[in-house]
Amino acid sequence: MADQSTSWEAEVDIRATKMYYIGAAAILVFDYFLTLSAEIEFGWKVKKTPVSILFFVNRYFSLFFTVITIASYFSPLWTQAVCNKYAITQFVHTVLSFTIAEVFLTLRVYALSYKNYYICGVLILHILAQLGLAFYNLSLGGTAASYISHASQLNKTEFQLCAFFPNRHVLNFDIAYLCLALSFYAVAFIGTITFTMTTSKAHPTWRWVRIVQRDGMVYFIAIFSSTLVWTILILHASSPRLGLINAEPDLIFTAIMVNRLYLSLKRAGHKSNLVQETWLPQISNYERSRHIALQVIVAQQVTSTVL
């Protein structure tokens, strides 16, 4: 009876994980078509920059990986042997998704902070620490797949789940990795709000600053909350499978938010012209040059020439 109860709980966990991921994947596909026209206008028709390349990698890698993951959930060709070879790509997806998002946000803070090397140095140290921790965690190993053997009598693909499950003794490193990510998001958010608030009162490009503040708050809340849920589930979920139920969806949500942030700034830059300098003679030459300098920086950020 105990074995049957455990097996039933595992089946429920696997089904819940798969359905939750499919829901997140549907949001990703919906958002893709929702923003496709903006991507064509502000991504393909403009000069390519390092950040625009990051945008395309983030956007299409997430879509590609989502298709592969759904295939691994339902394809009868996806045996445990195949899964053992494939599961490592989930590690690559996780590290690449976090790194792209963090590099993007670091460059954004760099542009807003007048190239402040101190706060950017803190953010870069976060990224390097996460990369080191991730590869060390990978070296400790884990289990590649979770299958319910007797379920194959009914539908062997219904209860198969191809995922990389870390061993219990390395879960603390997973938690540390996620905590570093949360810390990074918090520092980037504080930096964004601080630098925009200190320049918004008498700044000629106040509209740009408001856009940056709005996007910084909205997307920070979304990304931070999703990663926080993942961390809490690892700590308190009733089973290892449920502990990782938000792992892959979190990567999807992060990719969506980064894509939205990029397109939002590009769209804002397209709709508005730089603020005219009609009132600038009323202030000192020093303040005038400072305001014009920040105006250029913000405009560059919006058009991704600094980012």
Protein backbone atom coordinates (compact mmCIF):
# COMPACT_ATOMS: atom_id res chain seq x y z
CA MET A 1 0.00 0.00 0.00
CA ALA A 2 2.84 2.35 0.84
CA ASP A 3 4.44 1.72 -2.58
CA GLN A 4 1.14 2.33 -4.36
CA SER A 5 0.60 5.55 -2.41
CA THR A 6 4.10 6.77 -3.25
CA SER A 7 3.63 5.86 -6.90
CA TRP A 8 0.30 7.68 -7.04
CA GLU A 9 1.84 10.80 -5.52
CA ALA A 10 4.66 10.67 -8.07
CA GLU A 11 2.14 10.40 -10.90
CA VAL A 12 0.26 13.45 -9.61
CA ASP A 13 3.51 15.42 -9.26
CA ILE A 14 4.64 14.58 -12.78
CA ARG A 15 1.30 15.42 -14.34
CA ALA A 16 1.14 18.73 -12.44
CA THR A 17 4.68 19.62 -13.53
CA LYS A 18 3.90 18.91 -17.17
CA MET A 19 0.62 20.80 -17.21
CA TYR A 20 2.18 23.80 -15.48
CA TYR A 21 5.01 23.87 -18.00
CA ILE A 22 2.60 23.64 -20.92
CA GLY A 23 0.73 26.63 -19.52
CA ALA A 24 3.96 28.62 -19.27
CA ALA A 25 4.92 27.57 -22.81
CA ALA A 26 1.54 28.77 -24.08
CA ILE A 27 2.24 32.19 -22.54
CA LEU A 28 5.64 32.26 -24.27
CA VAL A 29 4.14 31.46 -27.68
CA PHE A 30 1.30 33.95 -27.17
CA ASP A 31 3.76 36.67 -26.19
CA TYR A 32 5.93 35.83 -29.21
CA PHE A 33 3.13 36.48 -31.69
CA LEU A 34 1.97 39.48 -29.67
CA THR A 35 5.38 41.12 -30.01
CA LEU A 36 6.38 39.78 -33.43
CA SER A 37 5.60 43.04 -35.26
CA ALA A 38 7.67 44.98 -32.71
CA GLU A 39 10.52 42.51 -33.14
CA ILE A 40 10.49 42.96 -36.91
CA GLU A 41 10.36 46.74 -36.65
CA PHE A 42 12.83 47.29 -33.83
CA GLY A 43 14.97 44.17 -34.13
CA TRP A 44 15.39 43.13 -37.74
CA LYS A 45 15.06 46.51 -39.48
CA VAL A 46 17.67 48.31 -37.39
CA LYS A 47 21.41 48.06 -37.04
CA LYS A 48 22.44 45.05 -34.98
CA THR A 49 24.21 45.69 -31.67
CA PRO A 50 25.56 43.31 -29.02
CA VAL A 51 22.39 43.74 -26.98
CA SER A 52 20.10 43.18 -29.95
CA ILE A 53 21.98 39.94 -30.58
CA LEU A 54 21.43 39.01 -26.92
CA PHE A 55 17.76 39.75 -27.46
CA PHE A 56 17.52 37.35 -30.39
CA VAL A 57 19.47 34.63 -28.59
CA ASN A 58 17.25 34.98 -25.54
CA ARG A 59 14.04 35.01 -27.59
CA TYR A 60 14.69 32.11 -29.94
CA PHE A 61 16.70 29.91 -27.64
CA SER A 62 13.77 29.92 -25.22
CA LEU A 63 11.34 28.96 -27.99
CA PHE A 64 13.64 26.21 -29.25
CA PHE A 65 14.18 24.77 -25.80
CA THR A 66 10.44 24.88 -25.06
CA VAL A 67 9.67 22.80 -28.14
CA ILE A 68 12.32 20.24 -27.18
CA THR A 69 11.07 20.04 -23.60
CA ILE A 70 7.46 19.44 -24.64
CA ALA A 71 8.65 16.73 -27.03
CA SER A 72 10.51 15.09 -24.15
CA TYR A 73 7.29 15.03 -22.14
CA PHE A 74 5.17 13.22 -24.70
CA SER A 75 7.26 11.57 -27.42
CA PRO A 76 7.58 7.75 -27.14
CA LEU A 77 11.01 8.09 -28.75
CA TRP A 78 12.20 9.95 -25.67
CA THR A 79 13.53 7.00 -23.73
CA GLN A 80 15.46 7.20 -20.50
CA ALA A 81 18.71 6.71 -22.43
CA VAL A 82 17.88 9.70 -24.61
CA CYS A 83 16.88 11.70 -21.56
CA ASN A 84 20.18 10.98 -19.84
CA LYS A 85 21.98 12.62 -22.76
CA TYR A 86 19.52 15.48 -23.07
CA ALA A 87 19.15 16.51 -19.44
CA ILE A 88 22.47 18.37 -19.46
CA THR A 89 20.96 20.87 -21.89
CA GLN A 90 18.58 21.93 -19.13
CA PHE A 91 21.61 23.03 -17.17
CA VAL A 92 22.81 25.00 -20.21
CA HIS A 93 19.37 26.57 -20.60
CA THR A 94 19.26 27.62 -16.95
CA VAL A 95 22.73 29.15 -16.90
CA LEU A 96 22.32 30.86 -20.26
CA SER A 97 18.90 32.30 -19.39
CA PHE A 98 20.07 33.76 -16.08
CA THR A 99 23.32 35.06 -17.57
CA ILE A 100 21.66 36.79 -20.54
CA ALA A 101 19.11 38.47 -18.28
CA GLU A 102 21.78 39.60 -15.83
CA VAL A 103 24.16 40.89 -18.50
CA PHE A 104 21.27 42.83 -20.05
CA LEU A 105 20.32 44.39 -16.71
CA THR A 106 23.97 45.15 -15.89
CA LEU A 107 24.41 47.08 -19.14
CA ARG A 108 21.16 48.89 -18.44
CA VAL A 109 22.36 50.01 -15.00
CA TYR A 110 25.73 50.92 -16.52
CA ALA A 111 24.03 53.27 -18.96
CA LEU A 112 21.77 54.85 -16.35
CA SER A 113 24.50 55.35 -13.74
CA TYR A 114 26.88 57.44 -15.85
CA LYS A 115 29.09 54.36 -16.24
CA ASN A 116 29.34 53.79 -12.51
CA TYR A 117 31.95 51.05 -12.24
CA TYR A 118 31.27 50.31 -8.58
CA ILE A 119 27.68 49.15 -8.84
CA CYS A 120 28.43 47.42 -12.15
CA GLY A 121 31.36 45.69 -10.47
CA VAL A 122 29.03 44.36 -7.78
CA LEU A 123 26.66 43.06 -10.45
CA ILE A 124 29.48 41.45 -12.44
CA LEU A 125 30.75 39.72 -9.29
CA HIS A 126 27.24 38.31 -8.81
CA ILE A 127 27.30 36.91 -12.34
CA LEU A 128 30.75 35.36 -11.95
CA ALA A 129 29.84 33.85 -8.58
CA GLN A 130 26.71 32.30 -10.07
CA LEU A 131 28.61 30.85 -13.01
CA GLY A 132 31.23 29.33 -10.74
CA LEU A 133 28.60 27.91 -8.42
CA ALA A 134 26.57 26.51 -11.33
CA PHE A 135 29.48 24.59 -12.84
CA TYR A 136 30.59 23.32 -9.45
CA ASN A 137 27.05 22.16 -8.79
CA LEU A 138 26.99 20.35 -12.13
CA SER A 139 30.18 18.51 -11.26
CA LEU A 140 28.46 17.02 -8.20
CA GLY A 141 26.00 15.15 -10.42
CA GLY A 142 22.33 14.34 -10.29
CA THR A 143 19.56 12.16 -11.69
CA ALA A 144 18.51 12.71 -15.27
CA ALA A 145 14.94 11.43 -15.43
CA SER A 146 11.88 10.42 -13.48
CA TYR A 147 9.66 7.60 -14.78
CA ILE A 148 6.73 5.65 -13.37
CA SER A 149 7.38 2.14 -14.58
CA HIS A 150 3.96 0.55 -14.14
CA ALA A 151 2.23 3.47 -15.88
CA SER A 152 3.56 2.17 -19.21
CA GLN A 153 0.74 -0.37 -19.17
CA LEU A 154 -1.70 2.50 -19.80
CA ASN A 155 0.28 5.23 -21.53
CA LYS A 156 4.00 5.20 -21.01
CA THR A 157 4.41 8.82 -22.14
CA GLU A 158 1.75 10.23 -19.82
CA PHE A 159 3.86 9.84 -16.71
CA GLN A 160 7.35 10.38 -18.06
CA LEU A 161 9.29 13.46 -17.07
CA CYS A 162 12.71 14.22 -18.46
CA ALA A 163 14.38 16.63 -16.09
CA PHE A 164 17.67 17.10 -14.31
CA PHE A 165 17.16 16.39 -10.61
CA PRO A 166 20.13 17.37 -8.43
CA ASN A 167 21.14 15.01 -5.67
CA ARG A 168 19.86 15.94 -2.24
CA HIS A 169 23.27 16.87 -0.92
CA VAL A 170 23.71 19.55 -3.59
CA LEU A 171 20.30 21.19 -3.22
CA ASN A 172 21.88 23.78 -0.94
CA PHE A 173 24.04 24.91 -3.87
CA ASP A 174 20.92 25.26 -6.01
CA ILE A 175 19.38 27.43 -3.33
CA ALA A 176 22.57 29.50 -3.08
CA TYR A 177 22.52 30.01 -6.86
CA LEU A 178 18.93 31.24 -6.76
CA CYS A 179 19.65 33.48 -3.78
CA LEU A 180 22.50 35.08 -5.73
CA ALA A 181 20.07 35.67 -8.59
CA LEU A 182 17.57 37.28 -6.22
CA SER A 183 20.33 39.44 -4.76
CA PHE A 184 21.39 40.49 -8.25
CA TYR A 185 17.86 41.50 -9.21
CA ALA A 186 17.51 43.51 -6.01
CA VAL A 187 20.78 45.40 -6.58
CA ALA A 188 19.87 46.10 -10.22
CA PHE A 189 16.43 47.32 -9.19
CA ILE A 190 17.77 49.59 -6.45
CA GLY A 191 20.38 50.96 -8.83
CA THR A 192 17.80 51.66 -11.55
CA ILE A 193 15.37 53.40 -9.22
CA THR A 194 18.09 55.38 -7.43
CA PHE A 195 19.74 56.72 -10.56
CA THR A 196 16.45 57.60 -12.25
CA MET A 197 14.96 59.29 -9.17
CA THR A 198 18.00 61.49 -8.65
CA THR A 199 17.81 62.84 -12.19
CA SER A 200 14.08 62.94 -12.87
CA LYS A 201 13.16 66.20 -11.10
CA ALA A 202 14.95 68.66 -13.35
CA HIS A 203 15.82 66.43 -16.27
CA PRO A 204 14.74 67.39 -19.79
CA THR A 205 14.15 63.75 -20.72
CA TRP A 206 11.78 63.10 -17.81
CA ARG A 207 9.59 60.95 -20.06
CA TRP A 208 12.47 58.56 -20.67
CA VAL A 209 13.17 58.40 -16.97
CA ARG A 210 9.55 57.58 -16.21
CA ILE A 211 9.60 54.78 -18.78
CA VAL A 212 12.78 53.35 -17.28
CA GLN A 213 11.32 53.59 -13.76
CA ARG A 214 8.05 51.95 -14.80
CA ASP A 215 9.72 49.12 -16.68
CA GLY A 216 12.27 48.63 -13.93
CA MET A 217 9.56 48.23 -11.30
CA VAL A 218 7.17 46.04 -13.33
CA TYR A 219 9.74 43.66 -14.74
CA PHE A 220 11.69 43.48 -11.49
CA ILE A 221 8.55 42.40 -9.63
CA ALA A 222 7.77 39.76 -12.26
CA ILE A 223 11.27 38.27 -12.50
CA PHE A 224 12.01 38.49 -8.78
CA SER A 225 8.67 36.93 -7.79
CA SER A 226 9.04 34.00 -10.17
CA THR A 227 12.56 33.18 -8.98
CA LEU A 228 11.47 33.60 -5.36
CA VAL A 229 8.66 31.07 -5.88
CA TRP A 230 11.18 28.61 -7.31
CA THR A 231 13.41 29.07 -4.25
CA ILE A 232 10.53 28.65 -1.79
CA LEU A 233 9.34 25.48 -3.53
CA ILE A 234 12.79 23.91 -3.32
CA LEU A 235 12.84 24.65 0.40
CA HIS A 236 9.31 23.62 1.31
CA ALA A 237 7.75 21.42 -1.41
CA SER A 238 6.57 17.99 -0.32
CA SER A 239 8.62 16.19 -2.99
CA PRO A 240 11.72 16.88 -5.13
CA ARG A 241 9.58 16.94 -8.28
CA LEU A 242 7.27 19.63 -6.92
CA GLY A 243 10.31 21.51 -5.68
CA LEU A 244 11.38 21.99 -9.28
CA ILE A 245 7.94 22.59 -10.75
CA ASN A 246 8.69 26.29 -11.28
CA ALA A 247 12.25 25.77 -12.53
CA GLU A 248 11.59 25.69 -16.27
CA PRO A 249 8.60 28.09 -16.17
CA ASP A 250 10.78 30.61 -14.33
CA LEU A 251 13.22 30.59 -17.25
CA ILE A 252 10.30 31.22 -19.61
CA PHE A 253 8.98 34.12 -17.52
CA THR A 254 12.46 35.63 -17.28
CA ALA A 255 12.94 35.40 -21.05
CA ILE A 256 9.57 37.06 -21.65
CA MET A 257 10.32 39.91 -19.26
CA VAL A 258 13.76 40.60 -20.76
CA ASN A 259 12.29 40.58 -24.27
CA ARG A 260 9.53 42.93 -23.15
CA LEU A 261 12.02 45.28 -21.50
CA TYR A 262 14.10 45.50 -24.66
CA LEU A 263 11.14 46.06 -26.98
CA SER A 264 9.52 48.55 -24.63
CA LEU A 265 12.58 50.79 -24.65
CA LYS A 266 12.98 50.46 -28.41
CA ARG A 267 9.32 51.33 -28.97
CA ALA A 268 9.58 54.36 -26.69
CA GLY A 269 12.63 55.57 -28.59
CA HIS A 270 10.79 55.24 -31.88
CA LYS A 271 7.66 57.11 -30.79
CA SER A 272 9.36 60.11 -29.24
CA ASN A 273 12.03 62.56 -30.29
CA LEU A 274 14.67 63.92 -27.99
CA VAL A 275 13.36 66.73 -25.83
CA GLN A 276 13.99 70.18 -27.21
CA GLU A 277 16.29 72.47 -25.32
CA THR A 278 13.92 75.43 -25.13
CA TRP A 279 14.23 75.79 -21.36
CA LEU A 280 17.90 74.89 -20.98
CA PRO A 281 19.24 78.49 -21.16
CA GLN A 282 17.49 79.08 -17.83
CA ILE A 283 20.00 76.88 -16.02
CA SER A 284 23.75 77.04 -15.55
CA ASN A 285 26.18 75.84 -18.18
CA TYR A 286 27.29 73.01 -15.89
CA GLU A 287 23.76 71.76 -15.34
CA ARG A 288 23.03 72.26 -19.02
CA SER A 289 25.94 70.07 -20.09
CA ARG A 290 25.09 67.47 -17.45
CA HIS A 291 21.48 67.29 -18.57
CA ILE A 292 22.41 67.05 -22.22
CA ALA A 293 24.91 64.31 -21.39
CA LEU A 294 22.31 62.26 -19.55
CA GLN A 295 19.82 62.95 -22.33
CA VAL A 296 22.27 61.37 -24.76
CA ILE A 297 22.91 58.43 -22.45
CA VAL A 298 19.22 57.70 -21.99
CA ALA A 299 18.57 58.08 -25.70
CA GLN A 300 21.42 55.69 -26.41
CA GLN A 301 19.98 53.26 -23.92
CA VAL A 302 16.61 53.35 -25.63
CA THR A 303 18.16 52.72 -29.03
CA SER A 304 20.53 50.11 -27.55
CA THR A 305 23.74 51.82 -28.62
CA VAL A 306 25.01 52.02 -25.06
CA LEU A 307 23.16 48.88 -23.97
